Amino acid sequence: MTPKQRSVLSVICNKNPADGKHVDMQQLLELLDYPSSRDAVQFVIRSLVKKKLIVKLPHEFRRGKKRVVFAATGWGKQSV
């Protein structure tokens, strides 16, 4: 696993520190410890989903829009 994949997985495992809920893409971009574009993070997310370390949950209504949220699988939590 690359350092950036590990960083994204860590943020997803720790959830949102403000409310303890799963993070969506916008929150993920804000919580990452390195600057990154949305496209780059989507690439990392696709690879983590393919490795079965995270899953995309159903849409949630947040900040006036439907947003996809991400959660770590059991194996993903062990990998952090």
PDB file of N, CA and C in Angstrom:
ATOM      1  N   MET A   1       0.862  -1.175   0.000  1.00  0.00           N
ATOM      2  CA  MET A   1       0.000   0.000   0.000  1.00  0.00           C
ATOM      3  C   MET A   1       0.906   1.235   0.000  1.00  0.00           C
ATOM      4  N   THR A   2       0.542   2.216  -0.831  1.00  0.00           N
ATOM      5  CA  THR A   2       1.333   3.440  -0.928  1.00  0.00           C
ATOM      6  C   THR A   2       1.068   4.354   0.270  1.00  0.00           C
ATOM      7  N   PRO A   3       1.969   5.308   0.527  1.00  0.00           N
ATOM      8  CA  PRO A   3       1.739   6.244   1.638  1.00  0.00           C
ATOM      9  C   PRO A   3       0.435   7.043   1.485  1.00  0.00           C
ATOM     10  N   LYS A   4       0.092   7.412   0.271  1.00  0.00           N
ATOM     11  CA  LYS A   4      -1.146   8.168   0.060  1.00  0.00           C
ATOM     12  C   LYS A   4      -2.368   7.292   0.291  1.00  0.00           C
ATOM     13  N   GLN A   5      -2.313   6.040  -0.121  1.00  0.00           N
ATOM     14  CA  GLN A   5      -3.419   5.119   0.154  1.00  0.00           C
ATOM     15  C   GLN A   5      -3.572   4.923   1.653  1.00  0.00           C
ATOM     16  N   ARG A   6      -2.458   4.795   2.346  1.00  0.00           N
ATOM     17  CA  ARG A   6      -2.492   4.622   3.801  1.00  0.00           C
ATOM     18  C   ARG A   6      -3.082   5.855   4.478  1.00  0.00           C
ATOM     19  N   SER A   7      -2.737   7.051   3.962  1.00  0.00           N
ATOM     20  CA  SER A   7      -3.257   8.294   4.530  1.00  0.00           C
ATOM     21  C   SER A   7      -4.772   8.392   4.338  1.00  0.00           C
ATOM     22  N   VAL A   8      -5.256   8.079   3.146  1.00  0.00           N
ATOM     23  CA  VAL A   8      -6.697   8.117   2.862  1.00  0.00           C
ATOM     24  C   VAL A   8      -7.422   7.091   3.726  1.00  0.00           C
ATOM     25  N   LEU A   9      -6.875   5.897   3.820  1.00  0.00           N
ATOM     26  CA  LEU A   9      -7.486   4.848   4.631  1.00  0.00           C
ATOM     27  C   LEU A   9      -7.536   5.260   6.107  1.00  0.00           C
ATOM     28  N   SER A  10      -6.497   5.900   6.574  1.00  0.00           N
ATOM     29  CA  SER A  10      -6.458   6.351   7.967  1.00  0.00           C
ATOM     30  C   SER A  10      -7.553   7.373   8.250  1.00  0.00           C
ATOM     31  N   VAL A  11      -7.740   8.332   7.341  1.00  0.00           N
ATOM     32  CA  VAL A  11      -8.793   9.336   7.516  1.00  0.00           C
ATOM     33  C   VAL A  11     -10.165   8.674   7.511  1.00  0.00           C
ATOM     34  N   ILE A  12     -10.378   7.727   6.609  1.00  0.00           N
ATOM     35  CA  ILE A  12     -11.667   7.037   6.535  1.00  0.00           C
ATOM     36  C   ILE A  12     -11.921   6.210   7.801  1.00  0.00           C
ATOM     37  N   CYS A  13     -10.884   5.562   8.318  1.00  0.00           N
ATOM     38  CA  CYS A  13     -11.044   4.764   9.546  1.00  0.00           C
ATOM     39  C   CYS A  13     -11.346   5.636  10.758  1.00  0.00           C
ATOM     40  N   ASN A  14     -10.727   6.804  10.829  1.00  0.00           N
ATOM     41  CA  ASN A  14     -10.904   7.679  11.991  1.00  0.00           C
ATOM     42  C   ASN A  14     -12.210   8.461  11.950  1.00  0.00           C
ATOM     43  N   LYS A  15     -12.897   8.436  10.818  1.00  0.00           N
ATOM     44  CA  LYS A  15     -14.164   9.157  10.631  1.00  0.00           C
ATOM     45  C   LYS A  15     -13.958  10.660  10.802  1.00  0.00           C
ATOM     46  N   ASN A  16     -15.030  11.391  10.827  1.00  0.00           N
ATOM     47  CA  ASN A  16     -14.963  12.845  10.955  1.00  0.00           C
ATOM     48  C   ASN A  16     -14.826  13.201  12.436  1.00  0.00           C
ATOM     49  N   PRO A  17     -13.734  13.885  12.821  1.00  0.00           N
ATOM     50  CA  PRO A  17     -13.550  14.196  14.239  1.00  0.00           C
ATOM     51  C   PRO A  17     -14.624  15.127  14.804  1.00  0.00           C
ATOM     52  N   ALA A  18     -15.267  15.909  13.966  1.00  0.00           N
ATOM     53  CA  ALA A  18     -16.274  16.863  14.437  1.00  0.00           C
ATOM     54  C   ALA A  18     -17.542  16.164  14.935  1.00  0.00           C
ATOM     55  N   ASP A  19     -17.995  15.130  14.195  1.00  0.00           N
ATOM     56  CA  ASP A  19     -19.260  14.497  14.583  1.00  0.00           C
ATOM     57  C   ASP A  19     -19.210  12.972  14.665  1.00  0.00           C
ATOM     58  N   GLY A  20     -18.070  12.368  14.340  1.00  0.00           N
ATOM     59  CA  GLY A  20     -17.937  10.917  14.444  1.00  0.00           C
ATOM     60  C   GLY A  20     -18.615  10.123  13.344  1.00  0.00           C
ATOM     61  N   LYS A  21     -19.102  10.803  12.301  1.00  0.00           N
ATOM     62  CA  LYS A  21     -19.769  10.114  11.192  1.00  0.00           C
ATOM     63  C   LYS A  21     -18.760   9.771  10.109  1.00  0.00           C
ATOM     64  N   HIS A  22     -19.168   8.890   9.203  1.00  0.00           N
ATOM     65  CA  HIS A  22     -18.314   8.542   8.072  1.00  0.00           C
ATOM     66  C   HIS A  22     -18.086   9.781   7.210  1.00  0.00           C
ATOM     67  N   VAL A  23     -16.938   9.820   6.528  1.00  0.00           N
ATOM     68  CA  VAL A  23     -16.591  10.996   5.728  1.00  0.00           C
ATOM     69  C   VAL A  23     -17.079  10.865   4.297  1.00  0.00           C
ATOM     70  N   ASP A  24     -17.393  12.009   3.693  1.00  0.00           N
ATOM     71  CA  ASP A  24     -17.689  12.059   2.269  1.00  0.00           C
ATOM     72  C   ASP A  24     -16.455  12.628   1.563  1.00  0.00           C
ATOM     73  N   MET A  25     -16.519  12.777   0.256  1.00  0.00           N
ATOM     74  CA  MET A  25     -15.352  13.201  -0.514  1.00  0.00           C
ATOM     75  C   MET A  25     -14.846  14.581  -0.081  1.00  0.00           C
ATOM     76  N   GLN A  26     -15.731  15.539   0.095  1.00  0.00           N
ATOM     77  CA  GLN A  26     -15.318  16.886   0.466  1.00  0.00           C
ATOM     78  C   GLN A  26     -14.618  16.896   1.825  1.00  0.00           C
ATOM     79  N   GLN A  27     -15.174  16.166   2.776  1.00  0.00           N
ATOM     80  CA  GLN A  27     -14.550  16.088   4.096  1.00  0.00           C
ATOM     81  C   GLN A  27     -13.203  15.382   4.021  1.00  0.00           C
ATOM     82  N   LEU A  28     -13.127  14.352   3.201  1.00  0.00           N
ATOM     83  CA  LEU A  28     -11.878  13.615   3.021  1.00  0.00           C
ATOM     84  C   LEU A  28     -10.787  14.538   2.492  1.00  0.00           C
ATOM     85  N   LEU A  29     -11.118  15.344   1.483  1.00  0.00           N
ATOM     86  CA  LEU A  29     -10.141  16.279   0.927  1.00  0.00           C
ATOM     87  C   LEU A  29      -9.664  17.280   1.977  1.00  0.00           C
ATOM     88  N   GLU A  30     -10.561  17.708   2.850  1.00  0.00           N
ATOM     89  CA  GLU A  30     -10.194  18.675   3.894  1.00  0.00           C
ATOM     90  C   GLU A  30      -9.355  18.040   5.001  1.00  0.00           C
ATOM     91  N   LEU A  31      -9.577  16.755   5.288  1.00  0.00           N
ATOM     92  CA  LEU A  31      -8.900  16.100   6.405  1.00  0.00           C
ATOM     93  C   LEU A  31      -7.557  15.465   6.038  1.00  0.00           C
ATOM     94  N   LEU A  32      -7.274  15.334   4.750  1.00  0.00           N
ATOM     95  CA  LEU A  32      -6.002  14.726   4.350  1.00  0.00           C
ATOM     96  C   LEU A  32      -4.827  15.605   4.781  1.00  0.00           C
ATOM     97  N   ASP A  33      -3.709  14.949   5.085  1.00  0.00           N
ATOM     98  CA  ASP A  33      -2.537  15.684   5.545  1.00  0.00           C
ATOM     99  C   ASP A  33      -1.627  16.143   4.402  1.00  0.00           C
ATOM    100  N   TYR A  34      -2.088  16.012   3.176  1.00  0.00           N
ATOM    101  CA  TYR A  34      -1.339  16.499   2.021  1.00  0.00           C
ATOM    102  C   TYR A  34      -2.320  17.114   1.028  1.00  0.00           C
ATOM    103  N   PRO A  35      -1.884  18.132   0.278  1.00  0.00           N
ATOM    104  CA  PRO A  35      -2.797  18.728  -0.716  1.00  0.00           C
ATOM    105  C   PRO A  35      -2.986  17.779  -1.898  1.00  0.00           C
ATOM    106  N   SER A  36      -4.228  17.621  -2.324  1.00  0.00           N
ATOM    107  CA  SER A  36      -4.514  16.703  -3.410  1.00  0.00           C
ATOM    108  C   SER A  36      -5.763  17.138  -4.153  1.00  0.00           C
ATOM    109  N   SER A  37      -5.817  16.767  -5.426  1.00  0.00           N
ATOM    110  CA  SER A  37      -7.001  17.078  -6.227  1.00  0.00           C
ATOM    111  C   SER A  37      -8.063  16.012  -5.990  1.00  0.00           C
ATOM    112  N   ARG A  38      -9.281  16.354  -6.321  1.00  0.00           N
ATOM    113  CA  ARG A  38     -10.399  15.417  -6.183  1.00  0.00           C
ATOM    114  C   ARG A  38     -10.168  14.182  -7.059  1.00  0.00           C
ATOM    115  N   ASP A  39      -9.667  14.384  -8.270  1.00  0.00           N
ATOM    116  CA  ASP A  39      -9.422  13.263  -9.184  1.00  0.00           C
ATOM    117  C   ASP A  39      -8.385  12.295  -8.622  1.00  0.00           C
ATOM    118  N   ALA A  40      -7.332  12.834  -8.009  1.00  0.00           N
ATOM    119  CA  ALA A  40      -6.285  11.979  -7.441  1.00  0.00           C
ATOM    120  C   ALA A  40      -6.834  11.149  -6.287  1.00  0.00           C
ATOM    121  N   VAL A  41      -7.662  11.751  -5.447  1.00  0.00           N
ATOM    122  CA  VAL A  41      -8.243  11.022  -4.316  1.00  0.00           C
ATOM    123  C   VAL A  41      -9.239   9.977  -4.821  1.00  0.00           C
ATOM    124  N   GLN A  42      -9.990  10.282  -5.866  1.00  0.00           N
ATOM    125  CA  GLN A  42     -10.915   9.295  -6.439  1.00  0.00           C
ATOM    126  C   GLN A  42     -10.149   8.084  -6.964  1.00  0.00           C
ATOM    127  N   PHE A  43      -8.970   8.311  -7.538  1.00  0.00           N
ATOM    128  CA  PHE A  43      -8.130   7.212  -8.015  1.00  0.00           C
ATOM    129  C   PHE A  43      -7.705   6.323  -6.844  1.00  0.00           C
ATOM    130  N   VAL A  44      -7.297   6.948  -5.749  1.00  0.00           N
ATOM    131  CA  VAL A  44      -6.890   6.196  -4.554  1.00  0.00           C
ATOM    132  C   VAL A  44      -8.082   5.424  -3.991  1.00  0.00           C
ATOM    133  N   ILE A  45      -9.241   6.057  -3.955  1.00  0.00           N
ATOM    134  CA  ILE A  45     -10.443   5.395  -3.436  1.00  0.00           C
ATOM    135  C   ILE A  45     -10.796   4.182  -4.278  1.00  0.00           C
ATOM    136  N   ARG A  46     -10.737   4.317  -5.607  1.00  0.00           N
ATOM    137  CA  ARG A  46     -11.030   3.169  -6.479  1.00  0.00           C
ATOM    138  C   ARG A  46     -10.100   1.999  -6.176  1.00  0.00           C
ATOM    139  N   SER A  47      -8.814   2.285  -5.957  1.00  0.00           N
ATOM    140  CA  SER A  47      -7.875   1.192  -5.680  1.00  0.00           C
ATOM    141  C   SER A  47      -8.145   0.568  -4.309  1.00  0.00           C
ATOM    142  N   LEU A  48      -8.545   1.377  -3.317  1.00  0.00           N
ATOM    143  CA  LEU A  48      -8.853   0.830  -1.987  1.00  0.00           C
ATOM    144  C   LEU A  48     -10.134  -0.003  -2.021  1.00  0.00           C
ATOM    145  N   VAL A  49     -11.108   0.410  -2.831  1.00  0.00           N
ATOM    146  CA  VAL A  49     -12.339  -0.380  -2.988  1.00  0.00           C
ATOM    147  C   VAL A  49     -12.003  -1.706  -3.676  1.00  0.00           C
ATOM    148  N   LYS A  50     -11.166  -1.645  -4.692  1.00  0.00           N
ATOM    149  CA  LYS A  50     -10.786  -2.853  -5.423  1.00  0.00           C
ATOM    150  C   LYS A  50     -10.064  -3.843  -4.507  1.00  0.00           C
ATOM    151  N   LYS A  51      -9.270  -3.319  -3.556  1.00  0.00           N
ATOM    152  CA  LYS A  51      -8.550  -4.169  -2.602  1.00  0.00           C
ATOM    153  C   LYS A  51      -9.433  -4.586  -1.420  1.00  0.00           C
ATOM    154  N   LYS A  52     -10.687  -4.123  -1.429  1.00  0.00           N
ATOM    155  CA  LYS A  52     -11.673  -4.435  -0.391  1.00  0.00           C
ATOM    156  C   LYS A  52     -11.261  -3.906   0.988  1.00  0.00           C
ATOM    157  N   LEU A  53     -10.592  -2.756   1.004  1.00  0.00           N
ATOM    158  CA  LEU A  53     -10.210  -2.124   2.262  1.00  0.00           C
ATOM    159  C   LEU A  53     -11.247  -1.097   2.712  1.00  0.00           C
ATOM    160  N   ILE A  54     -11.998  -0.542   1.745  1.00  0.00           N
ATOM    161  CA  ILE A  54     -13.086   0.385   2.062  1.00  0.00           C
ATOM    162  C   ILE A  54     -14.298   0.039   1.201  1.00  0.00           C
ATOM    163  N   VAL A  55     -15.441   0.570   1.612  1.00  0.00           N
ATOM    164  CA  VAL A  55     -16.668   0.418   0.830  1.00  0.00           C
ATOM    165  C   VAL A  55     -17.331   1.786   0.702  1.00  0.00           C
ATOM    166  N   LYS A  56     -18.055   1.938  -0.380  1.00  0.00           N
ATOM    167  CA  LYS A  56     -18.878   3.131  -0.551  1.00  0.00           C
ATOM    168  C   LYS A  56     -20.254   2.815   0.020  1.00  0.00           C
ATOM    169  N   LEU A  57     -20.713   3.650   0.914  1.00  0.00           N
ATOM    170  CA  LEU A  57     -22.030   3.472   1.523  1.00  0.00           C
ATOM    171  C   LEU A  57     -23.079   4.193   0.687  1.00  0.00           C
ATOM    172  N   PRO A  58     -24.352   3.904   0.905  1.00  0.00           N
ATOM    173  CA  PRO A  58     -25.407   4.614   0.170  1.00  0.00           C
ATOM    174  C   PRO A  58     -25.330   6.124   0.390  1.00  0.00           C
ATOM    175  N   HIS A  59     -25.935   6.844  -0.535  1.00  0.00           N
ATOM    176  CA  HIS A  59     -25.926   8.302  -0.459  1.00  0.00           C
ATOM    177  C   HIS A  59     -26.571   8.795   0.831  1.00  0.00           C
ATOM    178  N   GLU A  60     -25.982   9.850   1.378  1.00  0.00           N
ATOM    179  CA  GLU A  60     -26.570  10.540   2.526  1.00  0.00           C
ATOM    180  C   GLU A  60     -26.792  11.989   2.130  1.00  0.00           C
ATOM    181  N   PHE A  61     -27.826  12.581   2.659  1.00  0.00           N
ATOM    182  CA  PHE A  61     -28.125  13.977   2.375  1.00  0.00           C
ATOM    183  C   PHE A  61     -27.311  14.834   3.345  1.00  0.00           C
ATOM    184  N   ARG A  62     -26.319  15.562   2.816  1.00  0.00           N
ATOM    185  CA  ARG A  62     -25.439  16.401   3.633  1.00  0.00           C
ATOM    186  C   ARG A  62     -25.209  17.736   2.956  1.00  0.00           C
ATOM    187  N   ARG A  63     -25.256  18.787   3.746  1.00  0.00           N
ATOM    188  CA  ARG A  63     -24.982  20.136   3.246  1.00  0.00           C
ATOM    189  C   ARG A  63     -25.759  20.436   1.961  1.00  0.00           C
ATOM    190  N   GLY A  64     -27.013  20.015   1.931  1.00  0.00           N
ATOM    191  CA  GLY A  64     -27.896  20.337   0.823  1.00  0.00           C
ATOM    192  C   GLY A  64     -27.770  19.478  -0.415  1.00  0.00           C
ATOM    193  N   LYS A  65     -26.921  18.430  -0.384  1.00  0.00           N
ATOM    194  CA  LYS A  65     -26.754  17.553  -1.542  1.00  0.00           C
ATOM    195  C   LYS A  65     -26.658  16.106  -1.086  1.00  0.00           C
ATOM    196  N   LYS A  66     -26.959  15.192  -2.024  1.00  0.00           N
ATOM    197  CA  LYS A  66     -26.739  13.773  -1.760  1.00  0.00           C
ATOM    198  C   LYS A  66     -25.251  13.497  -1.969  1.00  0.00           C
ATOM    199  N   ARG A  67     -24.637  12.829  -0.999  1.00  0.00           N
ATOM    200  CA  ARG A  67     -23.206  12.563  -1.087  1.00  0.00           C
ATOM    201  C   ARG A  67     -22.923  11.099  -0.739  1.00  0.00           C
ATOM    202  N   VAL A  68     -21.942  10.527  -1.425  1.00  0.00           N
ATOM    203  CA  VAL A  68     -21.483   9.177  -1.130  1.00  0.00           C
ATOM    204  C   VAL A  68     -20.533   9.267   0.061  1.00  0.00           C
ATOM    205  N   VAL A  69     -20.696   8.367   1.018  1.00  0.00           N
ATOM    206  CA  VAL A  69     -19.796   8.327   2.166  1.00  0.00           C
ATOM    207  C   VAL A  69     -19.000   7.024   2.124  1.00  0.00           C
ATOM    208  N   PHE A  70     -17.848   7.039   2.781  1.00  0.00           N
ATOM    209  CA  PHE A  70     -16.926   5.912   2.732  1.00  0.00           C
ATOM    210  C   PHE A  70     -16.737   5.337   4.126  1.00  0.00           C
ATOM    211  N   ALA A  71     -16.592   4.006   4.197  1.00  0.00           N
ATOM    212  CA  ALA A  71     -16.342   3.326   5.461  1.00  0.00           C
ATOM    213  C   ALA A  71     -15.268   2.267   5.242  1.00  0.00           C
ATOM    214  N   ALA A  72     -14.468   2.046   6.261  1.00  0.00           N
ATOM    215  CA  ALA A  72     -13.432   1.019   6.193  1.00  0.00           C
ATOM    216  C   ALA A  72     -14.062  -0.338   6.485  1.00  0.00           C
ATOM    217  N   THR A  73     -13.576  -1.355   5.811  1.00  0.00           N
ATOM    218  CA  THR A  73     -13.989  -2.727   6.108  1.00  0.00           C
ATOM    219  C   THR A  73     -13.182  -3.214   7.303  1.00  0.00           C
ATOM    220  N   GLY A  74     -13.508  -4.386   7.793  1.00  0.00           N
ATOM    221  CA  GLY A  74     -12.745  -4.954   8.898  1.00  0.00           C
ATOM    222  C   GLY A  74     -11.278  -5.119   8.547  1.00  0.00           C
ATOM    223  N   TRP A  75     -11.045  -5.565   7.322  1.00  0.00           N
ATOM    224  CA  TRP A  75      -9.671  -5.760   6.863  1.00  0.00           C
ATOM    225  C   TRP A  75      -8.959  -4.418   6.709  1.00  0.00           C
ATOM    226  N   GLY A  76      -9.713  -3.400   6.271  1.00  0.00           N
ATOM    227  CA  GLY A  76      -9.138  -2.061   6.141  1.00  0.00           C
ATOM    228  C   GLY A  76      -8.726  -1.494   7.480  1.00  0.00           C
ATOM    229  N   LYS A  77      -9.545  -1.720   8.507  1.00  0.00           N
ATOM    230  CA  LYS A  77      -9.226  -1.226   9.857  1.00  0.00           C
ATOM    231  C   LYS A  77      -7.962  -1.897  10.397  1.00  0.00           C
ATOM    232  N   GLN A  78      -7.783  -3.166  10.073  1.00  0.00           N
ATOM    233  CA  GLN A  78      -6.583  -3.884  10.524  1.00  0.00           C
ATOM    234  C   GLN A  78      -5.338  -3.416   9.780  1.00  0.00           C
ATOM    235  N   SER A  79      -5.505  -2.893   8.576  1.00  0.00           N
ATOM    236  CA  SER A  79      -4.369  -2.486   7.750  1.00  0.00           C
ATOM    237  C   SER A  79      -3.783  -1.134   8.131  1.00  0.00           C
ATOM    238  N   VAL A  80      -4.504  -0.377   8.951  1.00  0.00           N
ATOM    239  CA  VAL A  80      -4.017   0.968   9.292  1.00  0.00           C
ATOM    240  C   VAL A  80      -2.902   0.913  10.281  1.00  0.00           C
TER     241      VAL A  80
END
